[in-house]
Amino acid sequence: MSDYAVFVSEEPKKRSSKDPWRVNEESRRRQLLEDARRPLAVNLAEGLALSEFLSTFTGSARKS
């Protein structure tokens, strides 16, 4: 068992199943639960790789 908890917000009662908010919230919950099941080192490595990738875009819009 893990030593940390995942916060999942309460959803409003009057939303349809096709509502964009509901679809996004279900997707967010699913991803949080998947991430919580993985080892911390895996999540950290992915975060660092993403950060490194995104840093290649820094300032690219200003170069012209």
Protein backbone atom coordinates (compact mmCIF):
# COMPACT_ATOMS: atom_id res chain seq x y z
CA MET A 1 0.00 0.00 0.00
CA SER A 2 1.18 3.54 -0.65
CA ASP A 3 1.90 6.17 1.97
CA TYR A 4 0.14 8.95 0.10
CA ALA A 5 -3.39 9.79 -0.95
CA VAL A 6 -4.88 11.11 -4.18
CA PHE A 7 -7.36 13.95 -3.86
CA VAL A 8 -10.39 13.53 -6.08
CA SER A 9 -12.84 16.39 -6.07
CA GLU A 10 -16.54 15.89 -5.59
CA GLU A 11 -18.48 16.25 -8.80
CA PRO A 12 -21.68 18.24 -9.13
CA LYS A 13 -24.90 16.21 -9.10
CA LYS A 14 -26.66 17.72 -12.15
CA ARG A 15 -24.31 16.93 -15.03
CA SER A 16 -25.00 14.70 -18.00
CA SER A 17 -22.70 11.81 -18.89
CA LYS A 18 -21.63 13.62 -22.11
CA ASP A 19 -20.80 16.85 -20.29
CA PRO A 20 -17.20 17.97 -21.09
CA TRP A 21 -16.52 18.65 -17.40
CA ARG A 22 -17.52 15.09 -16.46
CA VAL A 23 -15.47 13.54 -19.28
CA ASN A 24 -12.42 15.57 -18.24
CA GLU A 25 -12.89 14.76 -14.55
CA GLU A 26 -13.17 11.03 -15.23
CA SER A 27 -10.05 11.17 -17.37
CA ARG A 28 -8.17 13.11 -14.66
CA ARG A 29 -9.22 10.63 -11.97
CA ARG A 30 -8.22 7.66 -14.10
CA GLN A 31 -4.77 9.17 -14.80
CA LEU A 32 -4.22 10.06 -11.13
CA LEU A 33 -5.05 6.52 -10.05
CA GLU A 34 -2.75 5.04 -12.72
CA ASP A 35 0.07 7.35 -11.62
CA ALA A 36 -0.51 6.49 -7.96
CA ARG A 37 -0.04 2.78 -8.72
CA ARG A 38 3.35 3.33 -10.38
CA PRO A 39 6.62 3.66 -8.48
CA LEU A 40 7.59 7.22 -7.60
CA ALA A 41 10.85 6.86 -9.55
CA VAL A 42 8.92 6.15 -12.75
CA ASN A 43 6.70 9.22 -12.31
CA LEU A 44 9.75 11.34 -11.47
CA ALA A 45 11.67 10.12 -14.53
CA GLU A 46 8.70 10.91 -16.78
CA GLY A 47 8.33 14.36 -15.25
CA LEU A 48 12.01 15.13 -15.74
CA ALA A 49 11.93 13.90 -19.35
CA LEU A 50 8.87 16.05 -20.07
CA SER A 51 10.48 19.06 -18.43
CA GLU A 52 13.63 18.60 -20.50
CA PHE A 53 11.58 18.24 -23.69
CA LEU A 54 9.50 21.34 -22.95
CA SER A 55 12.60 23.38 -22.13
CA THR A 56 13.63 23.03 -25.79
CA PHE A 57 10.68 25.28 -26.66
CA THR A 58 11.79 28.07 -24.30
CA GLY A 59 12.30 31.22 -26.30
CA SER A 60 11.62 29.55 -29.64
CA ALA A 61 8.68 31.88 -30.35
CA ARG A 62 10.95 34.91 -29.93
CA LYS A 63 13.57 33.69 -32.42
CA SER A 64 12.74 35.13 -35.81
